[in-house]
C-alpha atoms as a PDB file:
ATOM      1  CA  MET A   1     231.531 -30.042  58.387  1.00  0.00           C
ATOM      2  CA  GLY A   2     230.275 -32.532  61.002  1.00  0.00           C
ATOM      3  CA  PHE A   3     231.109 -34.585  63.796  1.00  0.00           C
ATOM      4  CA  ILE A   4     230.936 -38.460  64.372  1.00  0.00           C
ATOM      5  CA  ALA A   5     230.205 -39.482  68.068  1.00  0.00           C
ATOM      6  CA  VAL A   6     231.973 -42.552  68.620  1.00  0.00           C
ATOM      7  CA  GLY A   7     230.473 -44.807  71.432  1.00  0.00           C
ATOM      8  CA  THR A   8     231.283 -48.175  73.477  1.00  0.00           C
ATOM      9  CA  ALA A   9     229.807 -51.154  73.934  1.00  0.00           C
ATOM     10  CA  LYS A  10     227.206 -49.872  76.260  1.00  0.00           C
ATOM     11  CA  GLY A  11     226.090 -47.043  74.102  1.00  0.00           C
ATOM     12  CA  GLN A  12     228.009 -44.382  75.788  1.00  0.00           C
ATOM     13  CA  PHE A  13     229.670 -41.950  74.012  1.00  0.00           C
ATOM     14  CA  SER A  14     233.258 -41.783  74.326  1.00  0.00           C
ATOM     15  CA  CYS A  15     234.774 -38.638  72.012  1.00  0.00           C
ATOM     16  CA  ILE A  16     233.671 -36.574  69.219  1.00  0.00           C
ATOM     17  CA  ILE A  17     235.481 -36.381  66.037  1.00  0.00           C
ATOM     18  CA  ILE A  18     235.051 -33.112  63.833  1.00  0.00           C
ATOM     19  CA  ILE A  19     235.021 -33.750  60.200  1.00  0.00           C
ATOM     20  CA  SER A  20     235.787 -30.589  57.753  1.00  0.00           C
ATOM     21  CA  TYR A  21     235.390 -31.987  53.987  1.00  0.00           C
ATOM     22  CA  LYS A  22     234.866 -30.138  50.598  1.00  0.00           C
ATOM     23  CA  GLU A  23     233.927 -32.617  47.642  1.00  0.00           C
ATOM     24  CA  ASN A  24     235.015 -31.600  44.112  1.00  0.00           C
ATOM     25  CA  ASN A  25     233.540 -33.344  40.994  1.00  0.00           C
ATOM     26  CA  THR A  26     235.785 -35.027  38.522  1.00  0.00           C
ATOM     27  CA  SER A  27     234.909 -36.770  35.189  1.00  0.00           C
ATOM     28  CA  LYS A  28     235.295 -40.369  37.240  1.00  0.00           C
ATOM     29  CA  GLY A  29     232.165 -39.231  39.562  1.00  0.00           C
ATOM     30  CA  HIS A  30     231.833 -37.403  42.829  1.00  0.00           C
ATOM     31  CA  LYS A  31     235.246 -37.644  45.018  1.00  0.00           C
ATOM     32  CA  MET A  32     236.218 -36.200  48.607  1.00  0.00           C
ATOM     33  CA  ALA A  33     239.536 -34.126  47.648  1.00  0.00           C
ATOM     34  CA  ASN A  34     240.942 -31.137  48.924  1.00  0.00           C
ATOM     35  CA  ILE A  35     240.196 -31.605  52.475  1.00  0.00           C
ATOM     36  CA  LYS A  36     239.797 -28.308  54.650  1.00  0.00           C
ATOM     37  CA  LYS A  37     241.244 -28.094  57.929  1.00  0.00           C
ATOM     38  CA  ILE A  38     239.596 -26.308  60.674  1.00  0.00           C
ATOM     39  CA  ARG A  39     242.236 -23.767  61.365  1.00  0.00           C
ATOM     40  CA  ASP A  40     243.277 -23.498  64.956  1.00  0.00           C
ATOM     41  CA  THR A  41     243.196 -20.592  67.345  1.00  0.00           C
ATOM     42  CA  ILE A  42     245.957 -19.308  69.440  1.00  0.00           C
ATOM     43  CA  LYS A  43     246.144 -19.973  72.789  1.00  0.00           C
ATOM     44  CA  ALA A  44     248.079 -17.915  75.306  1.00  0.00           C
ATOM     45  CA  SER A  45     250.424 -20.762  76.298  1.00  0.00           C
ATOM     46  CA  GLU A  46     251.087 -21.105  72.110  1.00  0.00           C
ATOM     47  CA  TRP A  47     251.499 -17.225  71.989  1.00  0.00           C
ATOM     48  CA  LYS A  48     254.120 -16.978  74.532  1.00  0.00           C
ATOM     49  CA  HIS A  49     255.809 -20.308  72.638  1.00  0.00           C
ATOM     50  CA  LEU A  50     255.892 -18.541  69.059  1.00  0.00           C
ATOM     51  CA  CYS A  51     257.290 -15.327  70.943  1.00  0.00           C
ATOM     52  CA  TYR A  52     260.335 -17.285  72.980  1.00  0.00           C
ATOM     53  CA  TYR A  53     260.489 -19.143  69.850  1.00  0.00           C
ATOM     54  CA  LEU A  54     261.260 -16.312  67.781  1.00  0.00           C
ATOM     55  CA  GLN A  55     263.096 -14.392  69.584  1.00  0.00           C
ATOM     56  CA  ALA A  56     265.799 -17.429  70.260  1.00  0.00           C
ATOM     57  CA  ASP A  57     266.116 -18.289  66.471  1.00  0.00           C
ATOM     58  CA  THR A  58     269.205 -17.619  65.031  1.00  0.00           C
ATOM     59  CA  THR A  59     268.497 -19.745  61.399  1.00  0.00           C
ATOM     60  CA  ILE A  60     266.846 -16.422  59.910  1.00  0.00           C
ATOM     61  CA  ARG A  61     267.909 -13.096  58.840  1.00  0.00           C
ATOM     62  CA  ALA A  62     267.894 -10.224  61.327  1.00  0.00           C
ATOM     63  CA  SER A  63     265.659  -7.990  59.192  1.00  0.00           C
ATOM     64  CA  ARG A  64     263.199 -10.844  58.614  1.00  0.00           C
ATOM     65  CA  LYS A  65     263.368 -11.761  62.471  1.00  0.00           C
ATOM     66  CA  ASP A  66     262.063  -7.962  63.296  1.00  0.00           C
ATOM     67  CA  ARG A  67     259.496  -7.670  60.390  1.00  0.00           C
ATOM     68  CA  LEU A  68     257.981 -11.163  61.926  1.00  0.00           C
ATOM     69  CA  ASN A  69     258.054 -10.089  65.400  1.00  0.00           C
ATOM     70  CA  LYS A  70     256.013  -6.864  64.752  1.00  0.00           C
ATOM     71  CA  ILE A  71     253.501  -8.295  62.312  1.00  0.00           C
ATOM     72  CA  PHE A  72     252.846 -11.091  64.369  1.00  0.00           C
ATOM     73  CA  ASN A  73     252.215  -8.656  67.545  1.00  0.00           C
ATOM     74  CA  LEU A  74     250.282  -6.259  65.121  1.00  0.00           C
ATOM     75  CA  LEU A  75     247.624  -9.353  64.294  1.00  0.00           C
ATOM     76  CA  HIS A  76     247.820 -10.942  68.016  1.00  0.00           C
ATOM     77  CA  LEU A  77     246.631  -7.400  69.494  1.00  0.00           C
ATOM     78  CA  PHE A  78     244.509  -6.056  66.862  1.00  0.00           C
ATOM     79  CA  GLY A  79     243.097  -9.439  64.968  1.00  0.00           C
ATOM     80  CA  LEU A  80     243.923  -7.566  61.777  1.00  0.00           C
ATOM     81  CA  ARG A  81     243.483  -8.889  58.411  1.00  0.00           C
ATOM     82  CA  VAL A  82     247.664  -9.091  56.713  1.00  0.00           C
ATOM     83  CA  ASN A  83     246.265  -6.928  54.011  1.00  0.00           C
ATOM     84  CA  GLU A  84     244.756  -4.500  56.636  1.00  0.00           C
ATOM     85  CA  THR A  85     248.379  -4.732  58.444  1.00  0.00           C
ATOM     86  CA  THR A  86     250.724  -4.090  55.362  1.00  0.00           C
ATOM     87  CA  GLN A  87     248.963  -0.956  54.688  1.00  0.00           C
ATOM     88  CA  ILE A  88     249.742   0.890  57.874  1.00  0.00           C
ATOM     89  CA  THR A  89     252.162   4.002  57.890  1.00  0.00           C
ATOM     90  CA  ASN A  90     253.981   5.819  60.296  1.00  0.00           C
ATOM     91  CA  ASN A  91     251.267   8.329  60.395  1.00  0.00           C
ATOM     92  CA  ILE A  92     248.810   5.537  61.563  1.00  0.00           C
ATOM     93  CA  LEU A  93     250.701   4.719  64.188  1.00  0.00           C
ATOM     94  CA  ILE A  94     251.582   7.751  65.612  1.00  0.00           C
ATOM     95  CA  GLU A  95     247.709   8.754  65.708  1.00  0.00           C
ATOM     96  CA  LEU A  96     247.049   5.465  67.461  1.00  0.00           C
ATOM     97  CA  LEU A  97     249.680   6.275  70.058  1.00  0.00           C
ATOM     98  CA  GLU A  98     248.667  10.019  70.809  1.00  0.00           C
ATOM     99  CA  GLN A  99     244.542   9.465  70.372  1.00  0.00           C
ATOM    100  CA  GLY A 100     244.129   5.674  71.331  1.00  0.00           C
ATOM    101  CA  GLN A 101     242.230   4.528  68.594  1.00  0.00           C
ATOM    102  CA  VAL A 102     242.725   5.240  64.732  1.00  0.00           C
ATOM    103  CA  LYS A 103     240.680   4.822  61.343  1.00  0.00           C
ATOM    104  CA  ILE A 104     241.840   2.086  58.920  1.00  0.00           C
ATOM    105  CA  THR A 105     240.633   0.970  55.687  1.00  0.00           C
ATOM    106  CA  ALA A 106     239.777  -2.326  55.540  1.00  0.00           C
ATOM    107  CA  HIS A 107     240.262  -3.476  51.874  1.00  0.00           C
ATOM    108  CA  LYS A 108     238.315  -6.720  51.870  1.00  0.00           C
ATOM    109  CA  GLN A 109     235.092  -4.494  52.725  1.00  0.00           C
ATOM    110  CA  LYS A 110     236.606  -1.052  50.926  1.00  0.00           C
ATOM    111  CA  LYS A 111     235.528   0.978  54.133  1.00  0.00           C
ATOM    112  CA  GLU A 112     236.899   2.429  57.332  1.00  0.00           C
ATOM    113  CA  LYS A 113     237.256   0.906  60.196  1.00  0.00           C
ATOM    114  CA  VAL A 114     238.296   1.556  63.819  1.00  0.00           C
ATOM    115  CA  ILE A 115     241.680   0.228  65.616  1.00  0.00           C
ATOM    116  CA  TYR A 116     241.658   0.251  69.538  1.00  0.00           C
ATOM    117  CA  LEU A 117     245.087   0.817  71.504  1.00  0.00           C
ATOM    118  CA  THR A 118     245.082  -0.334  75.113  1.00  0.00           C
ATOM    119  CA  LYS A 119     247.332   0.394  77.806  1.00  0.00           C
ATOM    120  CA  LYS A 120     249.014  -3.228  77.576  1.00  0.00           C
ATOM    121  CA  GLY A 121     248.898  -2.556  73.761  1.00  0.00           C
ATOM    122  CA  LYS A 122     250.627   1.145  73.884  1.00  0.00           C
ATOM    123  CA  LYS A 123     253.625  -0.666  75.975  1.00  0.00           C
ATOM    124  CA  THR A 124     254.134  -3.090  73.195  1.00  0.00           C
ATOM    125  CA  ILE A 125     253.747  -0.686  70.050  1.00  0.00           C
ATOM    126  CA  GLN A 126     256.135   1.693  71.861  1.00  0.00           C
ATOM    127  CA  SER A 127     258.671  -0.835  72.337  1.00  0.00           C
ATOM    128  CA  LEU A 128     258.266  -2.306  69.120  1.00  0.00           C
ATOM    129  CA  PHE A 129     258.176   0.908  66.780  1.00  0.00           C
ATOM    130  CA  THR A 130     260.764   3.046  68.634  1.00  0.00           C
ATOM    131  CA  ASP A 131     262.010   4.768  65.459  1.00  0.00           C
ATOM    132  CA  LEU A 132     258.794   6.555  64.290  1.00  0.00           C
ATOM    133  CA  GLU A 133     259.295   9.605  61.993  1.00  0.00           C
ATOM    134  CA  PRO A 134     255.437  12.052  61.036  1.00  0.00           C
ATOM    135  CA  ASN A 135     255.301  10.731  57.350  1.00  0.00           C
ATOM    136  CA  ASP A 136     252.951   8.414  55.235  1.00  0.00           C
ATOM    137  CA  ASN A 137     255.837   5.750  54.485  1.00  0.00           C
ATOM    138  CA  PHE A 138     254.757   2.172  54.718  1.00  0.00           C
ATOM    139  CA  ILE A 139     256.032   0.703  57.689  1.00  0.00           C
ATOM    140  CA  PHE A 140     256.438  -2.731  55.940  1.00  0.00           C
ATOM    141  CA  THR A 141     258.190  -2.497  52.985  1.00  0.00           C
ATOM    142  CA  SER A 142     260.454  -4.791  50.341  1.00  0.00           C
ATOM    143  CA  GLU A 143     264.434  -4.304  51.364  1.00  0.00           C
ATOM    144  CA  ARG A 144     264.901  -3.127  47.643  1.00  0.00           C
ATOM    145  CA  GLY A 145     261.489  -1.460  47.385  1.00  0.00           C
ATOM    146  CA  SER A 146     260.512   1.785  47.915  1.00  0.00           C
ATOM    147  CA  LYS A 147     258.773   3.184  51.354  1.00  0.00           C
ATOM    148  CA  ASN A 148     256.133   3.839  49.055  1.00  0.00           C
ATOM    149  CA  GLN A 149     255.720   0.308  48.217  1.00  0.00           C
ATOM    150  CA  PRO A 150     254.102  -1.794  50.593  1.00  0.00           C
ATOM    151  CA  LEU A 151     254.576  -5.378  50.881  1.00  0.00           C
ATOM    152  CA  GLN A 152     252.302  -7.744  48.547  1.00  0.00           C
ATOM    153  CA  PRO A 153     250.079  -9.247  51.074  1.00  0.00           C
ATOM    154  CA  ASN A 154     250.020 -12.581  49.571  1.00  0.00           C
ATOM    155  CA  SER A 155     254.406 -12.773  49.855  1.00  0.00           C
ATOM    156  CA  VAL A 156     253.618 -11.526  53.828  1.00  0.00           C
ATOM    157  CA  ILE A 157     250.730 -14.102  54.143  1.00  0.00           C
ATOM    158  CA  ARG A 158     253.095 -17.134  52.474  1.00  0.00           C
ATOM    159  CA  ASP A 159     255.872 -15.849  54.408  1.00  0.00           C
ATOM    160  CA  LEU A 160     254.189 -15.885  58.289  1.00  0.00           C
ATOM    161  CA  ASN A 161     252.441 -19.536  57.521  1.00  0.00           C
ATOM    162  CA  SER A 162     255.780 -20.921  56.296  1.00  0.00           C
ATOM    163  CA  TYR A 163     257.243 -19.945  59.705  1.00  0.00           C
ATOM    164  CA  LEU A 164     253.893 -21.010  61.807  1.00  0.00           C
ATOM    165  CA  SER A 165     254.394 -24.267  59.815  1.00  0.00           C
ATOM    166  CA  VAL A 166     257.665 -24.660  61.413  1.00  0.00           C
ATOM    167  CA  VAL A 167     256.914 -23.495  65.095  1.00  0.00           C
ATOM    168  CA  PHE A 168     253.716 -25.314  64.963  1.00  0.00           C
ATOM    169  CA  PRO A 169     254.133 -28.395  62.925  1.00  0.00           C
ATOM    170  CA  ASN A 170     251.511 -30.442  64.214  1.00  0.00           C
ATOM    171  CA  LYS A 171     248.740 -27.601  64.261  1.00  0.00           C
ATOM    172  CA  ALA A 172     247.066 -25.761  61.630  1.00  0.00           C
ATOM    173  CA  ILE A 173     247.753 -22.112  62.724  1.00  0.00           C
ATOM    174  CA  SER A 174     247.878 -19.896  60.067  1.00  0.00           C
ATOM    175  CA  SER A 175     248.225 -15.985  59.718  1.00  0.00           C
ATOM    176  CA  HIS A 176     244.377 -15.905  60.388  1.00  0.00           C
ATOM    177  CA  SER A 177     244.627 -17.710  63.500  1.00  0.00           C
ATOM    178  CA  PHE A 178     245.264 -14.510  65.052  1.00  0.00           C
ATOM    179  CA  ARG A 179     241.862 -12.808  63.993  1.00  0.00           C
ATOM    180  CA  LYS A 180     239.980 -15.699  64.839  1.00  0.00           C
ATOM    181  CA  SER A 181     241.690 -16.237  68.135  1.00  0.00           C
ATOM    182  CA  LEU A 182     240.765 -12.470  69.098  1.00  0.00           C
ATOM    183  CA  CYS A 183     237.269 -12.718  67.958  1.00  0.00           C
ATOM    184  CA  SER A 184     236.662 -16.284  69.078  1.00  0.00           C
ATOM    185  CA  SER A 185     237.833 -15.404  72.611  1.00  0.00           C
ATOM    186  CA  LEU A 186     235.693 -12.235  72.821  1.00  0.00           C
ATOM    187  CA  LEU A 187     232.567 -13.739  72.153  1.00  0.00           C
ATOM    188  CA  ASN A 188     233.097 -17.232  73.935  1.00  0.00           C
ATOM    189  CA  ASP A 189     235.312 -16.414  76.748  1.00  0.00           C
ATOM    190  CA  TYR A 190     234.065 -12.950  77.635  1.00  0.00           C
ATOM    191  CA  ASN A 191     230.920 -12.867  76.242  1.00  0.00           C
ATOM    192  CA  ILE A 192     231.172  -9.656  74.916  1.00  0.00           C
ATOM    193  CA  ALA A 193     228.052  -8.619  72.795  1.00  0.00           C
ATOM    194  CA  PRO A 194     228.311  -9.435  69.359  1.00  0.00           C
ATOM    195  CA  THR A 195     227.710  -6.008  67.778  1.00  0.00           C
ATOM    196  CA  THR A 196     230.555  -5.234  69.755  1.00  0.00           C
ATOM    197  CA  VAL A 197     232.560  -7.554  68.211  1.00  0.00           C
ATOM    198  CA  GLN A 198     231.484  -6.756  65.089  1.00  0.00           C
ATOM    199  CA  GLN A 199     233.203  -2.785  65.402  1.00  0.00           C
ATOM    200  CA  ILE A 200     236.255  -4.083  66.534  1.00  0.00           C
ATOM    201  CA  MET A 201     236.506  -6.970  63.839  1.00  0.00           C
ATOM    202  CA  GLY A 202     235.442  -4.557  61.419  1.00  0.00           C
ATOM    203  CA  HIS A 203     232.901  -7.061  59.981  1.00  0.00           C
ATOM    204  CA  SER A 204     230.383  -5.630  57.729  1.00  0.00           C
ATOM    205  CA  SER A 205     227.519  -8.546  58.729  1.00  0.00           C
ATOM    206  CA  ILE A 206     226.734  -9.519  61.978  1.00  0.00           C
ATOM    207  CA  GLN A 207     226.434 -13.104  60.618  1.00  0.00           C
ATOM    208  CA  SER A 208     230.306 -12.988  59.965  1.00  0.00           C
ATOM    209  CA  THR A 209     230.873 -12.397  63.463  1.00  0.00           C
ATOM    210  CA  PHE A 210     228.404 -15.015  64.551  1.00  0.00           C
ATOM    211  CA  ILE A 211     230.715 -17.375  62.440  1.00  0.00           C
ATOM    212  CA  TYR A 212     233.294 -17.445  65.511  1.00  0.00           C
ATOM    213  CA  SER A 213     231.034 -18.072  67.864  1.00  0.00           C
ATOM    214  CA  SER A 214     231.429 -21.609  69.094  1.00  0.00           C
ATOM    215  CA  VAL A 215     230.233 -24.521  71.442  1.00  0.00           C
ATOM    216  CA  SER A 216     233.002 -26.530  73.186  1.00  0.00           C
ATOM    217  CA  ASP A 217     233.176 -29.963  72.807  1.00  0.00           C
ATOM    218  CA  GLN A 218     232.053 -30.648  76.604  1.00  0.00           C
ATOM    219  CA  ASN A 219     228.723 -28.946  75.788  1.00  0.00           C
ATOM    220  CA  ILE A 220     228.369 -30.839  72.996  1.00  0.00           C
ATOM    221  CA  MET A 221     229.113 -34.140  74.755  1.00  0.00           C
ATOM    222  CA  ASN A 222     226.657 -33.024  77.236  1.00  0.00           C
ATOM    223  CA  SER A 223     224.249 -32.263  74.819  1.00  0.00           C
ATOM    224  CA  LEU A 224     224.439 -36.090  73.506  1.00  0.00           C
ATOM    225  CA  GLU A 225     224.716 -37.642  77.155  1.00  0.00           C
ATOM    226  CA  LEU A 226     220.744 -36.182  77.146  1.00  0.00           C
ATOM    227  CA  VAL A 227     219.535 -38.245  74.370  1.00  0.00           C
ATOM    228  CA  ARG A 228     221.611 -40.869  73.600  1.00  0.00           C
END
């Protein structure tokens, strides 16, 4: 990834173009291919737009709308990975509501992580999940499958990303954008200590947390103005 500072005739910088790419070796030599876009975060206004759009959508089945609404809210509240979301059971949510926190298994690292519930988040969970029963049934299951068989994460990711591409056709917003947004906001907007953010996100390494620490385009411009 890199950037190009575009200048004017007087030598002043007018804008910055950020480029992200991946090169692939082919039989004809080195060619640029499979451009990897910089994933966008979800701003507060975009989150509201997604909620309103989904609520007003009459083109999808009620069951899919309900599932999307619940998963989007879980991703937004906790910055979970999709595969963590698919492993949530009734008992996990019940304990979360009663205790304010609960341990789940972060399958990427194969270790436990803690989900923390805020007062606002509690109201959201209570309004979304009104029929919780004390059992280990998964919250999200196939309409034709067993309550003991969770949805496959890859199929959920495809469904989420397909819907997000409809709502945000001109943005690179995906299911991972929710996690990126929470982590970036904690680090860059609220200056939360990286070690605290690491625990919230369930990162095994602090280096993974620092990936989400970013510098604004204005700060980059101000830095360039000092030397060019």
